[in-house]
Each structure stands twice: as structure tokens, then as C-alpha cells.
């Protein structure tokens, strides 16, 4: 009987501690900035520009960031941020991105994801379709100033080219696979 009572005491204490911790987590998540949330997820603060008005971040990592205005920031390339940027945060990466575009030559491409594989490598990768653009991690140490965008970039041209290249690569892989299978060849293809 005494051990049952002690077990119930431990259960009550554990429940109270869990309740207190959940309250602490809720309170602390409200008070941290999006820049701190990026650092907590192993990403540099400079992935988002200055001027974040508000943001939401749910338990699954889904986030929405609200900027004062659409704007452009200059790194090695120019990035465009829509007024609303959304995606999914997980450790070392932002995926399912919407609202960020990167300029390459004279075309704008939608940024689909950003990842840091190995922080000690000093590299960060931007997924702009079939290409992963590599940058120095040091470029993104602090939130950049963002200049108001007078005209949003035309990402449709970049998306058209990106999707077209992706389809060509898929077609090439399919044809290669068929040829190897049909003629009994064997090979190892890696990317």
C-alpha cells in the first residue's frame, strides 16, 4: 500500500513538472524572435531580412513571417522577399518555401529550400529548382537591410526554365534507365 501511495506521489509531481514545463515553453516561444528561432534550428539569423513585423511558428515547424514590405537584399546574389514568407523549419533547413526568390544572371528563380548540411563546413545551400546554389555561411550571420522592392520579380520565367530543366533531367534518367534495363547493362549513377 505504501509503495502505491509513493508511486501516486511521484506521478502527481511528474504531472505538475510537465505542466509547468509546457507553460514555460508556450511563454518562451511567444517572447523569442524569428531570428532566435532560426538559430535554435541551426540556421543563421541573416536568412530573413530586418523588418519582420510578426511571425507564427507551430509545433510542426510550419512558419509564416510578415514583413513591413516586399524588399530586396544583396548577398553574392540578390534575394527578393515577398511581404509574407512561409515554409517549414527543421534543424539545419527551411523547406517548402514560399515568398523568397533569388536572381541568377537576369532571371529570378523561386527559392524552394535552404539547408546547412554541416555547420563547420561554412556553407549554406539554396534550392532553386534543379540547381543548389552554394554560399558562404558567413554572408548570413546577421539580418540584412532590405530595400523596398518597387516591382516584384518575374519568377515565372525562372520557374519555367527550372521546371523545364527538371523535366529534361527526369527524361534523361528515364531513358538511361530504360536503355540499361533493355540491353542488360549495369551501371551505378549517383548525383
C-alpha atoms as a PDB file:
ATOM      1  CA  UNK A   1       0.000   0.000   0.000  1.00  0.00           C
ATOM      2  CA  UNK A   2       2.831   2.330   0.917  1.00  0.00           C
ATOM      3  CA  UNK A   3       4.567   1.795  -2.468  1.00  0.00           C
ATOM      4  CA  UNK A   4       1.308   2.553  -4.330  1.00  0.00           C
ATOM      5  CA  UNK A   5       0.972   5.806  -2.410  1.00  0.00           C
ATOM      6  CA  UNK A   6       4.602   6.717  -3.198  1.00  0.00           C
ATOM      7  CA  UNK A   7       4.007   5.901  -6.885  1.00  0.00           C
ATOM      8  CA  UNK A   8       0.966   8.182  -6.938  1.00  0.00           C
ATOM      9  CA  UNK A   9       3.022  10.960  -5.311  1.00  0.00           C
ATOM     10  CA  UNK A  10       5.697  10.637  -7.998  1.00  0.00           C
ATOM     11  CA  UNK A  11       3.055  10.657 -10.711  1.00  0.00           C
ATOM     12  CA  UNK A  12       1.479  13.850  -9.321  1.00  0.00           C
ATOM     13  CA  UNK A  13       4.867  15.561  -9.025  1.00  0.00           C
ATOM     14  CA  UNK A  14       5.824  14.479 -12.547  1.00  0.00           C
ATOM     15  CA  UNK A  15       2.496  15.774 -13.901  1.00  0.00           C
ATOM     16  CA  UNK A  16       2.973  19.143 -12.196  1.00  0.00           C
ATOM     17  CA  UNK A  17       6.505  19.429 -13.569  1.00  0.00           C
ATOM     18  CA  UNK A  18       5.321  18.593 -17.074  1.00  0.00           C
ATOM     19  CA  UNK A  19       2.538  21.164 -16.764  1.00  0.00           C
ATOM     20  CA  UNK A  20       5.000  23.832 -15.587  1.00  0.00           C
ATOM     21  CA  UNK A  21       7.398  23.000 -18.428  1.00  0.00           C
ATOM     22  CA  UNK A  22       4.637  23.239 -21.028  1.00  0.00           C
ATOM     23  CA  UNK A  23       3.656  26.647 -19.668  1.00  0.00           C
ATOM     24  CA  UNK A  24       7.302  27.732 -19.813  1.00  0.00           C
ATOM     25  CA  UNK A  25       7.645  26.535 -23.414  1.00  0.00           C
ATOM     26  CA  UNK A  26       4.499  28.354 -24.504  1.00  0.00           C
ATOM     27  CA  UNK A  27       5.565  31.549 -22.774  1.00  0.00           C
ATOM     28  CA  UNK A  28       9.123  31.416 -24.099  1.00  0.00           C
ATOM     29  CA  UNK A  29       8.017  30.694 -27.680  1.00  0.00           C
ATOM     30  CA  UNK A  30       5.983  33.883 -27.653  1.00  0.00           C
ATOM     31  CA  UNK A  31       8.884  36.016 -26.472  1.00  0.00           C
ATOM     32  CA  UNK A  32      11.633  34.798 -28.831  1.00  0.00           C
ATOM     33  CA  UNK A  33      12.240  36.468 -32.162  1.00  0.00           C
ATOM     34  CA  UNK A  34      12.160  34.673 -35.507  1.00  0.00           C
ATOM     35  CA  UNK A  35      15.918  35.249 -35.681  1.00  0.00           C
ATOM     36  CA  UNK A  36      16.357  33.325 -32.409  1.00  0.00           C
ATOM     37  CA  UNK A  37      14.094  30.572 -33.766  1.00  0.00           C
ATOM     38  CA  UNK A  38      16.361  30.298 -36.826  1.00  0.00           C
ATOM     39  CA  UNK A  39      19.448  29.973 -34.598  1.00  0.00           C
ATOM     40  CA  UNK A  40      17.664  27.387 -32.446  1.00  0.00           C
ATOM     41  CA  UNK A  41      17.110  25.348 -35.643  1.00  0.00           C
ATOM     42  CA  UNK A  42      20.806  25.543 -36.604  1.00  0.00           C
ATOM     43  CA  UNK A  43      20.343  28.274 -39.210  1.00  0.00           C
ATOM     44  CA  UNK A  44      21.902  31.740 -39.455  1.00  0.00           C
ATOM     45  CA  UNK A  45      19.836  34.776 -38.458  1.00  0.00           C
ATOM     46  CA  UNK A  46      20.503  36.538 -41.760  1.00  0.00           C
ATOM     47  CA  UNK A  47      18.255  34.273 -43.828  1.00  0.00           C
ATOM     48  CA  UNK A  48      15.452  36.734 -43.127  1.00  0.00           C
ATOM     49  CA  UNK A  49      15.848  40.498 -43.517  1.00  0.00           C
ATOM     50  CA  UNK A  50      15.346  43.249 -40.992  1.00  0.00           C
ATOM     51  CA  UNK A  51      11.759  44.470 -40.873  1.00  0.00           C
ATOM     52  CA  UNK A  52       9.939  41.357 -39.648  1.00  0.00           C
ATOM     53  CA  UNK A  53       6.682  42.698 -38.255  1.00  0.00           C
ATOM     54  CA  UNK A  54       5.349  39.446 -36.841  1.00  0.00           C
ATOM     55  CA  UNK A  55       5.632  35.698 -37.288  1.00  0.00           C
ATOM     56  CA  UNK A  56       3.977  32.410 -36.400  1.00  0.00           C
ATOM     57  CA  UNK A  57       5.678  29.083 -35.792  1.00  0.00           C
ATOM     58  CA  UNK A  58       3.751  25.912 -34.952  1.00  0.00           C
ATOM     59  CA  UNK A  59       4.869  22.667 -33.314  1.00  0.00           C
ATOM     60  CA  UNK A  60       5.444  21.023 -36.719  1.00  0.00           C
ATOM     61  CA  UNK A  61       7.890  23.755 -37.760  1.00  0.00           C
ATOM     62  CA  UNK A  62       5.459  25.451 -40.130  1.00  0.00           C
ATOM     63  CA  UNK A  63       6.138  29.190 -40.090  1.00  0.00           C
ATOM     64  CA  UNK A  64       4.866  32.405 -41.603  1.00  0.00           C
ATOM     65  CA  UNK A  65       6.814  35.647 -41.475  1.00  0.00           C
ATOM     66  CA  UNK A  66       5.197  39.017 -42.077  1.00  0.00           C
ATOM     67  CA  UNK A  67       7.449  41.834 -43.317  1.00  0.00           C
ATOM     68  CA  UNK A  68       6.708  45.548 -43.366  1.00  0.00           C
ATOM     69  CA  UNK A  69       7.012  45.493 -47.159  1.00  0.00           C
ATOM     70  CA  UNK A  70       8.286  43.405 -50.043  1.00  0.00           C
ATOM     71  CA  UNK A  71      12.006  44.046 -50.352  1.00  0.00           C
ATOM     72  CA  UNK A  72      15.339  43.040 -51.887  1.00  0.00           C
ATOM     73  CA  UNK A  73      18.593  42.217 -50.110  1.00  0.00           C
ATOM     74  CA  UNK A  74      22.027  41.846 -51.679  1.00  0.00           C
ATOM     75  CA  UNK A  75      24.405  38.994 -50.836  1.00  0.00           C
ATOM     76  CA  UNK A  76      26.530  37.417 -53.583  1.00  0.00           C
ATOM     77  CA  UNK A  77      23.223  37.321 -55.460  1.00  0.00           C
ATOM     78  CA  UNK A  78      20.141  39.393 -54.898  1.00  0.00           C
ATOM     79  CA  UNK A  79      17.245  37.940 -52.926  1.00  0.00           C
ATOM     80  CA  UNK A  80      13.668  39.139 -53.061  1.00  0.00           C
ATOM     81  CA  UNK A  81      11.348  38.723 -50.079  1.00  0.00           C
ATOM     82  CA  UNK A  82       7.584  38.995 -50.520  1.00  0.00           C
ATOM     83  CA  UNK A  83       5.622  40.628 -47.691  1.00  0.00           C
ATOM     84  CA  UNK A  84       4.736  37.133 -46.481  1.00  0.00           C
ATOM     85  CA  UNK A  85       7.314  34.333 -46.381  1.00  0.00           C
ATOM     86  CA  UNK A  86       6.309  30.832 -45.329  1.00  0.00           C
ATOM     87  CA  UNK A  87       7.775  27.363 -45.092  1.00  0.00           C
ATOM     88  CA  UNK A  88       8.752  24.599 -42.699  1.00  0.00           C
ATOM     89  CA  UNK A  89      11.647  24.809 -40.257  1.00  0.00           C
ATOM     90  CA  UNK A  90      13.578  21.749 -39.175  1.00  0.00           C
ATOM     91  CA  UNK A  91      17.090  21.502 -37.824  1.00  0.00           C
ATOM     92  CA  UNK A  92      19.518  22.850 -40.412  1.00  0.00           C
ATOM     93  CA  UNK A  93      16.930  23.612 -43.072  1.00  0.00           C
ATOM     94  CA  UNK A  94      13.949  25.612 -44.266  1.00  0.00           C
ATOM     95  CA  UNK A  95      11.776  23.678 -46.715  1.00  0.00           C
ATOM     96  CA  UNK A  96       8.567  24.198 -48.692  1.00  0.00           C
ATOM     97  CA  UNK A  97       9.492  27.852 -49.006  1.00  0.00           C
ATOM     98  CA  UNK A  98       7.216  30.435 -50.494  1.00  0.00           C
ATOM     99  CA  UNK A  99       7.951  34.141 -50.779  1.00  0.00           C
ATOM    100  CA  UNK A 100      11.713  34.149 -51.421  1.00  0.00           C
ATOM    101  CA  UNK A 101      13.265  34.457 -54.887  1.00  0.00           C
ATOM    102  CA  UNK A 102      16.910  34.547 -55.982  1.00  0.00           C
ATOM    103  CA  UNK A 103      18.304  36.340 -59.020  1.00  0.00           C
ATOM    104  CA  UNK A 104      20.746  34.498 -61.217  1.00  0.00           C
ATOM    105  CA  UNK A 105      22.024  36.414 -64.251  1.00  0.00           C
ATOM    106  CA  UNK A 106      18.873  38.317 -65.264  1.00  0.00           C
ATOM    107  CA  UNK A 107      16.284  35.757 -64.179  1.00  0.00           C
ATOM    108  CA  UNK A 108      14.510  35.308 -60.859  1.00  0.00           C
ATOM    109  CA  UNK A 109      14.049  31.789 -59.502  1.00  0.00           C
ATOM    110  CA  UNK A 110      11.827  30.791 -56.596  1.00  0.00           C
ATOM    111  CA  UNK A 111      13.830  29.501 -53.636  1.00  0.00           C
ATOM    112  CA  UNK A 112      12.281  26.162 -52.657  1.00  0.00           C
ATOM    113  CA  UNK A 113      14.545  25.363 -49.721  1.00  0.00           C
ATOM    114  CA  UNK A 114      17.633  26.375 -47.769  1.00  0.00           C
ATOM    115  CA  UNK A 115      19.886  23.993 -45.858  1.00  0.00           C
ATOM    116  CA  UNK A 116      23.070  23.838 -43.844  1.00  0.00           C
ATOM    117  CA  UNK A 117      24.464  20.294 -44.065  1.00  0.00           C
ATOM    118  CA  UNK A 118      27.480  20.582 -41.817  1.00  0.00           C
ATOM    119  CA  UNK A 119      27.791  23.880 -39.927  1.00  0.00           C
ATOM    120  CA  UNK A 120      31.574  23.520 -39.625  1.00  0.00           C
ATOM    121  CA  UNK A 121      31.837  23.469 -43.447  1.00  0.00           C
ATOM    122  CA  UNK A 122      30.855  27.124 -43.541  1.00  0.00           C
ATOM    123  CA  UNK A 123      28.491  26.505 -46.464  1.00  0.00           C
ATOM    124  CA  UNK A 124      24.780  27.015 -46.994  1.00  0.00           C
ATOM    125  CA  UNK A 125      22.761  25.734 -49.974  1.00  0.00           C
ATOM    126  CA  UNK A 126      19.776  27.340 -51.696  1.00  0.00           C
ATOM    127  CA  UNK A 127      17.499  25.041 -53.702  1.00  0.00           C
ATOM    128  CA  UNK A 128      16.230  26.983 -56.729  1.00  0.00           C
ATOM    129  CA  UNK A 129      14.771  24.047 -58.634  1.00  0.00           C
ATOM    130  CA  UNK A 130      17.225  21.686 -60.252  1.00  0.00           C
ATOM    131  CA  UNK A 131      20.187  23.699 -59.002  1.00  0.00           C
ATOM    132  CA  UNK A 132      21.535  24.052 -55.478  1.00  0.00           C
ATOM    133  CA  UNK A 133      23.352  27.358 -55.176  1.00  0.00           C
ATOM    134  CA  UNK A 134      26.177  27.326 -52.625  1.00  0.00           C
ATOM    135  CA  UNK A 135      27.060  30.366 -50.491  1.00  0.00           C
ATOM    136  CA  UNK A 136      29.386  31.110 -47.622  1.00  0.00           C
ATOM    137  CA  UNK A 137      27.526  30.803 -44.327  1.00  0.00           C
ATOM    138  CA  UNK A 138      29.238  33.995 -43.121  1.00  0.00           C
ATOM    139  CA  UNK A 139      27.146  36.051 -45.577  1.00  0.00           C
ATOM    140  CA  UNK A 140      24.072  35.298 -43.485  1.00  0.00           C
ATOM    141  CA  UNK A 141      25.359  35.974 -39.957  1.00  0.00           C
ATOM    142  CA  UNK A 142      23.083  38.952 -39.331  1.00  0.00           C
ATOM    143  CA  UNK A 143      19.756  40.078 -40.829  1.00  0.00           C
ATOM    144  CA  UNK A 144      20.415  42.217 -43.908  1.00  0.00           C
ATOM    145  CA  UNK A 145      18.955  45.603 -44.630  1.00  0.00           C
ATOM    146  CA  UNK A 146      16.218  45.204 -47.152  1.00  0.00           C
ATOM    147  CA  UNK A 147      15.445  47.847 -49.784  1.00  0.00           C
ATOM    148  CA  UNK A 148      11.804  48.300 -50.732  1.00  0.00           C
ATOM    149  CA  UNK A 149      11.001  46.478 -53.951  1.00  0.00           C
ATOM    150  CA  UNK A 150       9.334  48.733 -56.476  1.00  0.00           C
ATOM    151  CA  UNK A 151       8.334  45.840 -58.739  1.00  0.00           C
ATOM    152  CA  UNK A 152       8.133  42.210 -57.726  1.00  0.00           C
ATOM    153  CA  UNK A 153      10.444  39.991 -59.773  1.00  0.00           C
ATOM    154  CA  UNK A 154       9.001  37.906 -62.572  1.00  0.00           C
ATOM    155  CA  UNK A 155       9.704  34.454 -61.184  1.00  0.00           C
ATOM    156  CA  UNK A 156       7.542  32.774 -63.814  1.00  0.00           C
ATOM    157  CA  UNK A 157      10.376  32.878 -66.371  1.00  0.00           C
ATOM    158  CA  UNK A 158      12.782  31.321 -63.866  1.00  0.00           C
ATOM    159  CA  UNK A 159      10.173  28.781 -62.752  1.00  0.00           C
ATOM    160  CA  UNK A 160       9.521  27.869 -66.409  1.00  0.00           C
ATOM    161  CA  UNK A 161      13.241  27.307 -67.052  1.00  0.00           C
ATOM    162  CA  UNK A 162      13.714  25.464 -63.755  1.00  0.00           C
ATOM    163  CA  UNK A 163      10.747  23.159 -64.363  1.00  0.00           C
ATOM    164  CA  UNK A 164      11.889  22.580 -67.956  1.00  0.00           C
ATOM    165  CA  UNK A 165      15.394  21.582 -66.843  1.00  0.00           C
ATOM    166  CA  UNK A 166      13.934  19.320 -64.190  1.00  0.00           C
ATOM    167  CA  UNK A 167      11.782  17.583 -66.815  1.00  0.00           C
ATOM    168  CA  UNK A 168      14.786  17.154 -69.142  1.00  0.00           C
ATOM    169  CA  UNK A 169      16.815  15.559 -66.330  1.00  0.00           C
ATOM    170  CA  UNK A 170      13.950  13.215 -65.426  1.00  0.00           C
ATOM    171  CA  UNK A 171      13.570  12.274 -69.101  1.00  0.00           C
ATOM    172  CA  UNK A 172      17.325  11.628 -69.394  1.00  0.00           C
ATOM    173  CA  UNK A 173      17.308   9.409 -66.298  1.00  0.00           C
ATOM    174  CA  UNK A 174      14.246   7.522 -67.561  1.00  0.00           C
ATOM    175  CA  UNK A 175      15.802   6.920 -70.993  1.00  0.00           C
ATOM    176  CA  UNK A 176      19.104   5.863 -69.409  1.00  0.00           C
ATOM    177  CA  UNK A 177      17.311   3.515 -67.056  1.00  0.00           C
ATOM    178  CA  UNK A 178      15.316   2.009 -69.949  1.00  0.00           C
ATOM    179  CA  UNK A 179      18.456   1.551 -72.080  1.00  0.00           C
ATOM    180  CA  UNK A 180      20.355  -0.135 -69.275  1.00  0.00           C
ATOM    181  CA  UNK A 181      17.416  -2.371 -68.437  1.00  0.00           C
ATOM    182  CA  UNK A 182      16.578  -3.193 -72.061  1.00  0.00           C
ATOM    183  CA  UNK A 183      20.137  -4.095 -73.033  1.00  0.00           C
ATOM    184  CA  UNK A 184      21.047  -5.742 -69.726  1.00  0.00           C
ATOM    185  CA  UNK A 185      23.724  -3.197 -68.918  1.00  0.00           C
ATOM    186  CA  UNK A 186      24.580  -2.358 -65.366  1.00  0.00           C
ATOM    187  CA  UNK A 187      25.909   0.879 -64.004  1.00  0.00           C
ATOM    188  CA  UNK A 188      25.870   2.995 -60.928  1.00  0.00           C
ATOM    189  CA  UNK A 189      24.568   6.521 -61.353  1.00  0.00           C
ATOM    190  CA  UNK A 190      24.985   8.949 -58.493  1.00  0.00           C
ATOM    191  CA  UNK A 191      24.355  12.641 -58.147  1.00  0.00           C
END
